[in-house]
Amino acid sequence: MMKKEDFKISITVDAGAQRVFEAINNVRGWWSQNIEGPNAALHDEFIYHYQDVHRCRIRIETMETDRKVVWRVLENYFKFTQDKREWTNSSIIFDIVEDAGTTTLHFTHRGLNSQMECYQVCHDAWTYYIADSLRQLILTGLGQPTPKEEIALGAMEENRIPHDPGTKSIYHRLLIETPVETVYKALTTAEGLAGWWTPDTKAKPEIGAILRFGFGPSYFKNMEVISLKPYSRVEWRCVKAFEEWNLNLSKRDVCCCFTMMAGQIIVRNLLPVVLIGRYFSGV
């Protein structure tokens, strides 16, 4: 019988154990701002939820200053698994080891293993939250938690591209079985964009940044980031490209908008009517 291996990940940072311990207990600073209840003292209980997809109630069972934190999942609900309670009675363990000016955090989710239906999604999500978000909180004081849901939903209504009767929109709705954090990273970082569009990519995840995409020695596009809402919306405006893309650019901008919701991404590529015709006719 194959042994069930619990999910584990370790990170080492140039910081003391105290800073790591404090960051772990700032749960809203690295995991999610959608957490209700106290979560920084022994026996505290809090509720985590992500839209209508995941909800769980957690109790802090161990709190050893600068050494160890253990959470116990008391209740759990997954929308996307046959067994909705898969996390129930599992333990989430943070072991802290300081050595010669650096600190290693060993993270274990005991009871989360590869034979569970939720495993791959949870594997990717925990990897992001520990290796990226928590690490950044420790090192810079600013993590990348999932934002408050009312903010994320509101972002879908903000900064929309004004409708112009002379334009048409192309919509693509994709179902992606990947955490929204991973999707957002793929749409905003140079490494992520290069992985799915073109290796010749220069990009920064900042409002006003100019993204440059090269497709050979003489074919490229420059996109301005005009909307950037973590885990909910990314929007670009084409500012420089071949003639067709720049046609009447001052009046009818060529834009691309990505809207992220639970389990799916909506891609909108807004083009002037003349470009739609050329594109589908192959001219």
C-alpha atoms as a PDB file:
ATOM      1  CA  MET A   1       0.000   0.000   0.000  1.00  0.00           C
ATOM      2  CA  MET A   2       1.340   3.415  -0.990  1.00  0.00           C
ATOM      3  CA  LYS A   3       2.118   5.631   1.980  1.00  0.00           C
ATOM      4  CA  LYS A   4       0.039   8.785   2.183  1.00  0.00           C
ATOM      5  CA  GLU A   5       2.461  11.711   2.260  1.00  0.00           C
ATOM      6  CA  ASP A   6       1.218  14.891   3.891  1.00  0.00           C
ATOM      7  CA  PHE A   7       1.728  18.170   2.042  1.00  0.00           C
ATOM      8  CA  LYS A   8       4.970  19.869   3.106  1.00  0.00           C
ATOM      9  CA  ILE A   9       6.924  22.920   2.047  1.00  0.00           C
ATOM     10  CA  SER A  10       9.891  24.730   3.619  1.00  0.00           C
ATOM     11  CA  ILE A  11      11.296  28.218   3.110  1.00  0.00           C
ATOM     12  CA  THR A  12      14.442  29.853   4.491  1.00  0.00           C
ATOM     13  CA  VAL A  13      14.579  33.616   5.007  1.00  0.00           C
ATOM     14  CA  ASP A  14      17.142  36.161   6.176  1.00  0.00           C
ATOM     15  CA  ALA A  15      15.161  37.048   9.271  1.00  0.00           C
ATOM     16  CA  GLY A  16      14.945  36.062  12.904  1.00  0.00           C
ATOM     17  CA  ALA A  17      12.524  33.545  14.364  1.00  0.00           C
ATOM     18  CA  GLN A  18      10.543  36.305  16.063  1.00  0.00           C
ATOM     19  CA  ARG A  19       9.754  38.020  12.766  1.00  0.00           C
ATOM     20  CA  VAL A  20       8.705  34.718  11.207  1.00  0.00           C
ATOM     21  CA  PHE A  21       6.504  33.875  14.190  1.00  0.00           C
ATOM     22  CA  GLU A  22       4.819  37.280  14.102  1.00  0.00           C
ATOM     23  CA  ALA A  23       4.199  37.028  10.360  1.00  0.00           C
ATOM     24  CA  ILE A  24       2.590  33.578  10.681  1.00  0.00           C
ATOM     25  CA  ASN A  25       0.160  34.980  13.239  1.00  0.00           C
ATOM     26  CA  ASN A  26      -0.726  37.888  10.964  1.00  0.00           C
ATOM     27  CA  VAL A  27      -2.989  35.566   9.001  1.00  0.00           C
ATOM     28  CA  ARG A  28      -4.861  38.358   7.222  1.00  0.00           C
ATOM     29  CA  GLY A  29      -1.509  39.701   6.073  1.00  0.00           C
ATOM     30  CA  TRP A  30      -0.498  36.645   4.035  1.00  0.00           C
ATOM     31  CA  TRP A  31      -3.423  34.203   3.594  1.00  0.00           C
ATOM     32  CA  SER A  32      -6.706  36.054   3.239  1.00  0.00           C
ATOM     33  CA  GLN A  33      -8.451  39.205   4.343  1.00  0.00           C
ATOM     34  CA  ASN A  34     -11.670  37.185   4.343  1.00  0.00           C
ATOM     35  CA  ILE A  35     -11.052  35.843   7.848  1.00  0.00           C
ATOM     36  CA  GLU A  36     -13.504  36.345  10.682  1.00  0.00           C
ATOM     37  CA  GLY A  37     -12.604  36.066  14.348  1.00  0.00           C
ATOM     38  CA  PRO A  38      -9.439  36.316  16.478  1.00  0.00           C
ATOM     39  CA  ASN A  39      -6.392  34.419  15.217  1.00  0.00           C
ATOM     40  CA  ALA A  40      -3.305  35.399  17.226  1.00  0.00           C
ATOM     41  CA  ALA A  41      -3.614  33.613  20.590  1.00  0.00           C
ATOM     42  CA  LEU A  42      -3.839  30.051  21.873  1.00  0.00           C
ATOM     43  CA  HIS A  43      -7.355  28.567  21.521  1.00  0.00           C
ATOM     44  CA  ASP A  44      -8.536  31.385  19.253  1.00  0.00           C
ATOM     45  CA  GLU A  45     -11.004  30.242  16.592  1.00  0.00           C
ATOM     46  CA  PHE A  46     -11.464  31.875  13.223  1.00  0.00           C
ATOM     47  CA  ILE A  47     -13.364  31.255  10.003  1.00  0.00           C
ATOM     48  CA  TYR A  48     -11.761  31.399   6.559  1.00  0.00           C
ATOM     49  CA  HIS A  49     -13.794  31.579   3.372  1.00  0.00           C
ATOM     50  CA  TYR A  50     -13.213  32.095  -0.331  1.00  0.00           C
ATOM     51  CA  GLN A  51     -16.390  33.098  -2.162  1.00  0.00           C
ATOM     52  CA  ASP A  52     -18.776  30.105  -2.093  1.00  0.00           C
ATOM     53  CA  VAL A  53     -15.967  27.679  -2.954  1.00  0.00           C
ATOM     54  CA  HIS A  54     -14.226  27.039   0.382  1.00  0.00           C
ATOM     55  CA  ARG A  55     -15.104  27.668   4.013  1.00  0.00           C
ATOM     56  CA  CYS A  56     -13.500  26.288   7.179  1.00  0.00           C
ATOM     57  CA  ARG A  57     -13.378  26.886  10.939  1.00  0.00           C
ATOM     58  CA  ILE A  58      -9.950  26.677  12.552  1.00  0.00           C
ATOM     59  CA  ARG A  59      -8.715  26.598  16.161  1.00  0.00           C
ATOM     60  CA  ILE A  60      -5.187  27.481  17.258  1.00  0.00           C
ATOM     61  CA  GLU A  61      -4.094  24.461  19.318  1.00  0.00           C
ATOM     62  CA  THR A  62      -0.388  25.191  19.830  1.00  0.00           C
ATOM     63  CA  MET A  63       1.373  28.524  20.229  1.00  0.00           C
ATOM     64  CA  GLU A  64       5.056  28.238  21.208  1.00  0.00           C
ATOM     65  CA  THR A  65       6.642  31.677  20.868  1.00  0.00           C
ATOM     66  CA  ASP A  66       9.194  31.813  18.028  1.00  0.00           C
ATOM     67  CA  ARG A  67       9.089  28.009  17.689  1.00  0.00           C
ATOM     68  CA  LYS A  68       5.787  26.494  16.623  1.00  0.00           C
ATOM     69  CA  VAL A  69       2.158  27.174  15.702  1.00  0.00           C
ATOM     70  CA  VAL A  70      -0.453  24.478  15.096  1.00  0.00           C
ATOM     71  CA  TRP A  71      -3.976  24.971  13.744  1.00  0.00           C
ATOM     72  CA  ARG A  72      -6.744  22.376  13.860  1.00  0.00           C
ATOM     73  CA  VAL A  73      -9.444  22.375  11.167  1.00  0.00           C
ATOM     74  CA  LEU A  74     -12.693  21.836  13.058  1.00  0.00           C
ATOM     75  CA  GLU A  75     -15.087  22.138  10.126  1.00  0.00           C
ATOM     76  CA  ASN A  76     -14.606  22.362   6.367  1.00  0.00           C
ATOM     77  CA  TYR A  77     -16.679  22.793   3.217  1.00  0.00           C
ATOM     78  CA  PHE A  78     -15.470  22.492  -0.390  1.00  0.00           C
ATOM     79  CA  LYS A  79     -17.833  23.210  -3.250  1.00  0.00           C
ATOM     80  CA  PHE A  80     -15.712  21.387  -5.821  1.00  0.00           C
ATOM     81  CA  THR A  81     -15.137  17.965  -4.177  1.00  0.00           C
ATOM     82  CA  GLN A  82     -17.375  14.970  -3.710  1.00  0.00           C
ATOM     83  CA  ASP A  83     -16.377  14.798  -0.035  1.00  0.00           C
ATOM     84  CA  LYS A  84     -17.108  18.358   1.074  1.00  0.00           C
ATOM     85  CA  ARG A  85     -15.355  17.816   4.431  1.00  0.00           C
ATOM     86  CA  GLU A  86     -11.897  16.785   3.153  1.00  0.00           C
ATOM     87  CA  TRP A  87      -9.906  19.139   5.435  1.00  0.00           C
ATOM     88  CA  THR A  88     -11.939  18.340   8.555  1.00  0.00           C
ATOM     89  CA  ASN A  89      -9.788  17.186  11.535  1.00  0.00           C
ATOM     90  CA  SER A  90      -6.543  17.910   9.676  1.00  0.00           C
ATOM     91  CA  SER A  91      -3.718  19.938  11.283  1.00  0.00           C
ATOM     92  CA  ILE A  92      -1.790  22.855   9.799  1.00  0.00           C
ATOM     93  CA  ILE A  93       1.669  23.042  11.368  1.00  0.00           C
ATOM     94  CA  PHE A  94       4.311  25.774  11.304  1.00  0.00           C
ATOM     95  CA  ASP A  95       7.717  24.718  12.688  1.00  0.00           C
ATOM     96  CA  ILE A  96      10.293  27.515  13.060  1.00  0.00           C
ATOM     97  CA  VAL A  97      14.051  26.812  13.221  1.00  0.00           C
ATOM     98  CA  GLU A  98      16.556  29.674  13.546  1.00  0.00           C
ATOM     99  CA  ASP A  99      20.207  29.089  12.705  1.00  0.00           C
ATOM    100  CA  ALA A 100      23.092  31.553  12.229  1.00  0.00           C
ATOM    101  CA  GLY A 101      21.007  34.565  11.274  1.00  0.00           C
ATOM    102  CA  THR A 102      18.531  32.782   9.006  1.00  0.00           C
ATOM    103  CA  THR A 103      15.279  31.053   9.832  1.00  0.00           C
ATOM    104  CA  THR A 104      13.678  28.050   8.175  1.00  0.00           C
ATOM    105  CA  LEU A 105       9.940  27.568   8.292  1.00  0.00           C
ATOM    106  CA  HIS A 106       8.723  24.005   7.844  1.00  0.00           C
ATOM    107  CA  PHE A 107       5.039  24.007   6.867  1.00  0.00           C
ATOM    108  CA  THR A 108       3.045  20.775   7.041  1.00  0.00           C
ATOM    109  CA  HIS A 109      -0.650  20.240   6.378  1.00  0.00           C
ATOM    110  CA  ARG A 110      -1.094  16.928   8.162  1.00  0.00           C
ATOM    111  CA  GLY A 111      -4.067  15.122   6.662  1.00  0.00           C
ATOM    112  CA  LEU A 112      -3.771  16.729   3.217  1.00  0.00           C
ATOM    113  CA  ASN A 113      -2.364  14.103   0.829  1.00  0.00           C
ATOM    114  CA  SER A 114      -2.246  13.306  -2.877  1.00  0.00           C
ATOM    115  CA  GLN A 115      -5.107  10.801  -2.708  1.00  0.00           C
ATOM    116  CA  MET A 116      -7.576  13.555  -1.847  1.00  0.00           C
ATOM    117  CA  GLU A 117      -9.658  15.202  -4.568  1.00  0.00           C
ATOM    118  CA  CYS A 118      -8.743  18.708  -3.404  1.00  0.00           C
ATOM    119  CA  TYR A 119      -5.013  17.979  -3.243  1.00  0.00           C
ATOM    120  CA  GLN A 120      -3.709  19.609  -6.423  1.00  0.00           C
ATOM    121  CA  VAL A 121      -5.652  22.830  -5.912  1.00  0.00           C
ATOM    122  CA  CYS A 122      -4.608  22.967  -2.259  1.00  0.00           C
ATOM    123  CA  HIS A 123      -1.003  22.079  -3.128  1.00  0.00           C
ATOM    124  CA  ASP A 124      -0.776  24.996  -5.557  1.00  0.00           C
ATOM    125  CA  ALA A 125      -2.533  27.404  -3.204  1.00  0.00           C
ATOM    126  CA  TRP A 126      -0.415  26.568  -0.141  1.00  0.00           C
ATOM    127  CA  THR A 127       2.748  26.744  -2.254  1.00  0.00           C
ATOM    128  CA  TYR A 128       1.819  30.256  -3.333  1.00  0.00           C
ATOM    129  CA  TYR A 129       0.782  31.461   0.122  1.00  0.00           C
ATOM    130  CA  ILE A 130       3.856  30.086   1.923  1.00  0.00           C
ATOM    131  CA  ALA A 131       6.615  30.456  -0.670  1.00  0.00           C
ATOM    132  CA  ASP A 132       5.437  33.811  -2.051  1.00  0.00           C
ATOM    133  CA  SER A 133       2.958  35.664   0.146  1.00  0.00           C
ATOM    134  CA  LEU A 134       4.205  34.706   3.626  1.00  0.00           C
ATOM    135  CA  ARG A 135       7.826  35.044   2.517  1.00  0.00           C
ATOM    136  CA  GLN A 136       7.141  38.584   1.282  1.00  0.00           C
ATOM    137  CA  LEU A 137       5.351  39.477   4.518  1.00  0.00           C
ATOM    138  CA  ILE A 138       8.374  38.312   6.511  1.00  0.00           C
ATOM    139  CA  LEU A 139      10.935  40.102   4.343  1.00  0.00           C
ATOM    140  CA  THR A 140       9.107  43.301   3.374  1.00  0.00           C
ATOM    141  CA  GLY A 141       6.188  43.600   5.755  1.00  0.00           C
ATOM    142  CA  LEU A 142       3.750  43.300   2.853  1.00  0.00           C
ATOM    143  CA  GLY A 143       2.236  39.952   1.859  1.00  0.00           C
ATOM    144  CA  GLN A 144      -0.146  39.145  -0.985  1.00  0.00           C
ATOM    145  CA  PRO A 145      -3.277  37.778   0.688  1.00  0.00           C
ATOM    146  CA  THR A 146      -6.589  37.262  -1.071  1.00  0.00           C
ATOM    147  CA  PRO A 147      -8.348  40.655  -0.795  1.00  0.00           C
ATOM    148  CA  LYS A 148     -11.696  41.321   0.836  1.00  0.00           C
ATOM    149  CA  GLU A 149     -14.447  39.929  -1.343  1.00  0.00           C
ATOM    150  CA  GLU A 150     -16.409  43.156  -1.555  1.00  0.00           C
ATOM    151  CA  ILE A 151     -13.274  44.826  -2.923  1.00  0.00           C
ATOM    152  CA  ALA A 152     -12.707  42.062  -5.459  1.00  0.00           C
ATOM    153  CA  LEU A 153     -16.319  42.131  -6.629  1.00  0.00           C
ATOM    154  CA  GLY A 154     -16.290  45.910  -6.825  1.00  0.00           C
ATOM    155  CA  ALA A 155     -13.225  45.778  -8.998  1.00  0.00           C
ATOM    156  CA  MET A 156     -15.268  44.032 -11.674  1.00  0.00           C
ATOM    157  CA  GLU A 157     -17.358  47.179 -12.052  1.00  0.00           C
ATOM    158  CA  GLU A 158     -14.502  49.698 -11.882  1.00  0.00           C
ATOM    159  CA  ASN A 159     -12.408  50.998 -14.751  1.00  0.00           C
ATOM    160  CA  ARG A 160     -14.528  49.330 -17.396  1.00  0.00           C
ATOM    161  CA  ILE A 161     -13.709  50.147 -21.002  1.00  0.00           C
ATOM    162  CA  PRO A 162     -16.323  52.663 -22.258  1.00  0.00           C
ATOM    163  CA  HIS A 163     -18.602  51.132 -24.858  1.00  0.00           C
ATOM    164  CA  ASP A 164     -18.231  52.609 -28.320  1.00  0.00           C
ATOM    165  CA  PRO A 165     -20.848  51.777 -31.012  1.00  0.00           C
ATOM    166  CA  GLY A 166     -17.941  51.469 -33.464  1.00  0.00           C
ATOM    167  CA  THR A 167     -16.334  48.615 -31.562  1.00  0.00           C
ATOM    168  CA  LYS A 168     -17.003  44.946 -30.993  1.00  0.00           C
ATOM    169  CA  SER A 169     -15.813  42.739 -28.171  1.00  0.00           C
ATOM    170  CA  ILE A 170     -14.435  39.220 -28.229  1.00  0.00           C
ATOM    171  CA  TYR A 171     -15.098  37.269 -25.019  1.00  0.00           C
ATOM    172  CA  HIS A 172     -13.487  34.033 -23.969  1.00  0.00           C
ATOM    173  CA  ARG A 173     -14.574  32.314 -20.751  1.00  0.00           C
ATOM    174  CA  LEU A 174     -12.087  29.709 -19.543  1.00  0.00           C
ATOM    175  CA  LEU A 175     -12.522  27.233 -16.700  1.00  0.00           C
ATOM    176  CA  ILE A 176      -9.112  26.778 -15.063  1.00  0.00           C
ATOM    177  CA  GLU A 177      -8.574  24.315 -12.235  1.00  0.00           C
ATOM    178  CA  THR A 178      -5.814  26.439 -10.739  1.00  0.00           C
ATOM    179  CA  PRO A 179      -5.860  28.822  -7.751  1.00  0.00           C
ATOM    180  CA  VAL A 180      -6.722  32.382  -8.711  1.00  0.00           C
ATOM    181  CA  GLU A 181      -3.427  33.508  -7.154  1.00  0.00           C
ATOM    182  CA  THR A 182      -1.508  31.451  -9.708  1.00  0.00           C
ATOM    183  CA  VAL A 183      -3.604  32.829 -12.571  1.00  0.00           C
ATOM    184  CA  TYR A 184      -3.052  36.395 -11.383  1.00  0.00           C
ATOM    185  CA  LYS A 185       0.701  35.855 -11.237  1.00  0.00           C
ATOM    186  CA  ALA A 186       0.677  34.441 -14.778  1.00  0.00           C
ATOM    187  CA  LEU A 187      -1.064  37.606 -16.010  1.00  0.00           C
ATOM    188  CA  THR A 188       1.019  40.199 -14.169  1.00  0.00           C
ATOM    189  CA  THR A 189       4.661  39.105 -13.867  1.00  0.00           C
ATOM    190  CA  ALA A 190       7.309  38.936 -16.576  1.00  0.00           C
ATOM    191  CA  GLU A 191       7.982  35.286 -15.742  1.00  0.00           C
ATOM    192  CA  GLY A 192       4.295  34.384 -15.844  1.00  0.00           C
ATOM    193  CA  LEU A 193       3.545  36.204 -19.102  1.00  0.00           C
ATOM    194  CA  ALA A 194       6.629  34.766 -20.783  1.00  0.00           C
ATOM    195  CA  GLY A 195       5.441  31.300 -19.866  1.00  0.00           C
ATOM    196  CA  TRP A 196       2.260  31.456 -21.965  1.00  0.00           C
ATOM    197  CA  TRP A 197       2.582  34.270 -24.505  1.00  0.00           C
ATOM    198  CA  THR A 198       6.120  35.064 -25.657  1.00  0.00           C
ATOM    199  CA  PRO A 199       9.514  34.523 -24.011  1.00  0.00           C
ATOM    200  CA  ASP A 200      10.517  38.035 -25.110  1.00  0.00           C
ATOM    201  CA  THR A 201       8.507  39.798 -22.410  1.00  0.00           C
ATOM    202  CA  LYS A 202       9.285  42.789 -20.236  1.00  0.00           C
ATOM    203  CA  ALA A 203       6.701  43.539 -17.558  1.00  0.00           C
ATOM    204  CA  LYS A 204       6.072  44.968 -14.102  1.00  0.00           C
ATOM    205  CA  PRO A 205       2.858  44.469 -12.059  1.00  0.00           C
ATOM    206  CA  GLU A 206       2.222  48.200 -11.614  1.00  0.00           C
ATOM    207  CA  ILE A 207      -0.477  50.619 -12.755  1.00  0.00           C
ATOM    208  CA  GLY A 208       0.970  52.720 -15.581  1.00  0.00           C
ATOM    209  CA  ALA A 209       3.716  50.211 -16.380  1.00  0.00           C
ATOM    210  CA  ILE A 210       4.412  49.525 -20.056  1.00  0.00           C
ATOM    211  CA  LEU A 211       4.519  45.840 -20.952  1.00  0.00           C
ATOM    212  CA  ARG A 212       6.592  44.970 -24.010  1.00  0.00           C
ATOM    213  CA  PHE A 213       5.903  41.754 -25.942  1.00  0.00           C
ATOM    214  CA  GLY A 214       8.283  40.811 -28.744  1.00  0.00           C
ATOM    215  CA  PHE A 215       7.468  38.294 -31.470  1.00  0.00           C
ATOM    216  CA  GLY A 216      10.663  38.457 -33.498  1.00  0.00           C
ATOM    217  CA  PRO A 217      13.083  41.211 -34.515  1.00  0.00           C
ATOM    218  CA  SER A 218      10.417  43.543 -35.954  1.00  0.00           C
ATOM    219  CA  TYR A 219       7.063  42.490 -34.466  1.00  0.00           C
ATOM    220  CA  PHE A 220       6.149  43.716 -30.993  1.00  0.00           C
ATOM    221  CA  LYS A 221       3.379  45.247 -28.905  1.00  0.00           C
ATOM    222  CA  ASN A 222       3.517  47.682 -25.990  1.00  0.00           C
ATOM    223  CA  MET A 223       0.655  47.502 -23.491  1.00  0.00           C
ATOM    224  CA  GLU A 224      -0.038  49.973 -20.680  1.00  0.00           C
ATOM    225  CA  VAL A 225      -1.408  48.510 -17.439  1.00  0.00           C
ATOM    226  CA  ILE A 226      -4.547  50.575 -16.725  1.00  0.00           C
ATOM    227  CA  SER A 227      -6.252  48.381 -14.116  1.00  0.00           C
ATOM    228  CA  LEU A 228      -4.700  46.004 -11.602  1.00  0.00           C
ATOM    229  CA  LYS A 229      -6.943  44.514  -8.917  1.00  0.00           C
ATOM    230  CA  PRO A 230      -5.350  41.549  -7.117  1.00  0.00           C
ATOM    231  CA  TYR A 231      -7.051  38.253  -7.965  1.00  0.00           C
ATOM    232  CA  SER A 232      -9.983  39.870  -9.747  1.00  0.00           C
ATOM    233  CA  ARG A 233      -9.079  42.100 -12.697  1.00  0.00           C
ATOM    234  CA  VAL A 234      -6.204  42.977 -15.039  1.00  0.00           C
ATOM    235  CA  GLU A 235      -6.610  45.424 -17.902  1.00  0.00           C
ATOM    236  CA  TRP A 236      -4.190  46.620 -20.584  1.00  0.00           C
ATOM    237  CA  ARG A 237      -4.318  49.307 -23.292  1.00  0.00           C
ATOM    238  CA  CYS A 238      -2.303  48.920 -26.483  1.00  0.00           C
ATOM    239  CA  VAL A 239      -0.066  51.982 -26.873  1.00  0.00           C
ATOM    240  CA  LYS A 240       2.315  50.842 -29.605  1.00  0.00           C
ATOM    241  CA  ALA A 241       2.195  48.049 -32.175  1.00  0.00           C
ATOM    242  CA  PHE A 242       1.790  47.408 -35.900  1.00  0.00           C
ATOM    243  CA  GLU A 243      -0.373  49.799 -37.901  1.00  0.00           C
ATOM    244  CA  GLU A 244      -3.581  47.776 -37.599  1.00  0.00           C
ATOM    245  CA  TRP A 245      -3.386  47.795 -33.813  1.00  0.00           C
ATOM    246  CA  ASN A 246      -2.731  51.537 -33.742  1.00  0.00           C
ATOM    247  CA  LEU A 247      -5.516  52.486 -36.147  1.00  0.00           C
ATOM    248  CA  ASN A 248      -7.438  55.443 -34.640  1.00  0.00           C
ATOM    249  CA  LEU A 249      -5.880  54.552 -31.306  1.00  0.00           C
ATOM    250  CA  SER A 250      -6.716  57.951 -29.819  1.00  0.00           C
ATOM    251  CA  LYS A 251     -10.414  57.290 -30.376  1.00  0.00           C
ATOM    252  CA  ARG A 252     -10.818  53.531 -30.206  1.00  0.00           C
ATOM    253  CA  ASP A 253      -8.274  51.923 -27.941  1.00  0.00           C
ATOM    254  CA  VAL A 254      -7.338  48.310 -28.464  1.00  0.00           C
ATOM    255  CA  CYS A 255      -7.559  46.772 -25.004  1.00  0.00           C
ATOM    256  CA  CYS A 256      -7.409  43.434 -23.281  1.00  0.00           C
ATOM    257  CA  CYS A 257      -9.217  42.762 -20.022  1.00  0.00           C
ATOM    258  CA  PHE A 258      -8.940  39.699 -17.774  1.00  0.00           C
ATOM    259  CA  THR A 259     -11.622  39.193 -15.100  1.00  0.00           C
ATOM    260  CA  MET A 260     -11.026  36.417 -12.564  1.00  0.00           C
ATOM    261  CA  MET A 261     -13.798  34.690 -10.627  1.00  0.00           C
ATOM    262  CA  ALA A 262     -14.017  31.397  -8.776  1.00  0.00           C
ATOM    263  CA  GLY A 263     -12.688  28.683 -11.037  1.00  0.00           C
ATOM    264  CA  GLN A 264     -12.757  30.707 -14.251  1.00  0.00           C
ATOM    265  CA  ILE A 265     -11.221  33.589 -16.146  1.00  0.00           C
ATOM    266  CA  ILE A 266     -13.050  35.833 -18.614  1.00  0.00           C
ATOM    267  CA  VAL A 267     -10.834  37.308 -21.327  1.00  0.00           C
ATOM    268  CA  ARG A 268     -12.107  40.300 -23.257  1.00  0.00           C
ATOM    269  CA  ASN A 269     -10.175  41.591 -26.252  1.00  0.00           C
ATOM    270  CA  LEU A 270     -11.756  44.806 -27.478  1.00  0.00           C
ATOM    271  CA  LEU A 271     -10.967  45.638 -31.131  1.00  0.00           C
ATOM    272  CA  PRO A 272     -12.295  48.159 -33.694  1.00  0.00           C
ATOM    273  CA  VAL A 273     -14.702  46.587 -36.169  1.00  0.00           C
ATOM    274  CA  VAL A 274     -12.233  46.917 -39.066  1.00  0.00           C
ATOM    275  CA  LEU A 275      -9.687  44.825 -37.185  1.00  0.00           C
ATOM    276  CA  ILE A 276     -12.258  42.132 -36.415  1.00  0.00           C
ATOM    277  CA  GLY A 277     -12.974  41.845 -40.127  1.00  0.00           C
ATOM    278  CA  ARG A 278      -9.311  41.643 -41.090  1.00  0.00           C
ATOM    279  CA  TYR A 279      -8.576  39.103 -38.365  1.00  0.00           C
ATOM    280  CA  PHE A 280     -11.298  36.602 -39.345  1.00  0.00           C
ATOM    281  CA  SER A 281     -10.868  37.069 -43.070  1.00  0.00           C
ATOM    282  CA  GLY A 282      -7.139  36.477 -42.819  1.00  0.00           C
ATOM    283  CA  VAL A 283      -6.346  39.747 -44.589  1.00  0.00           C
END
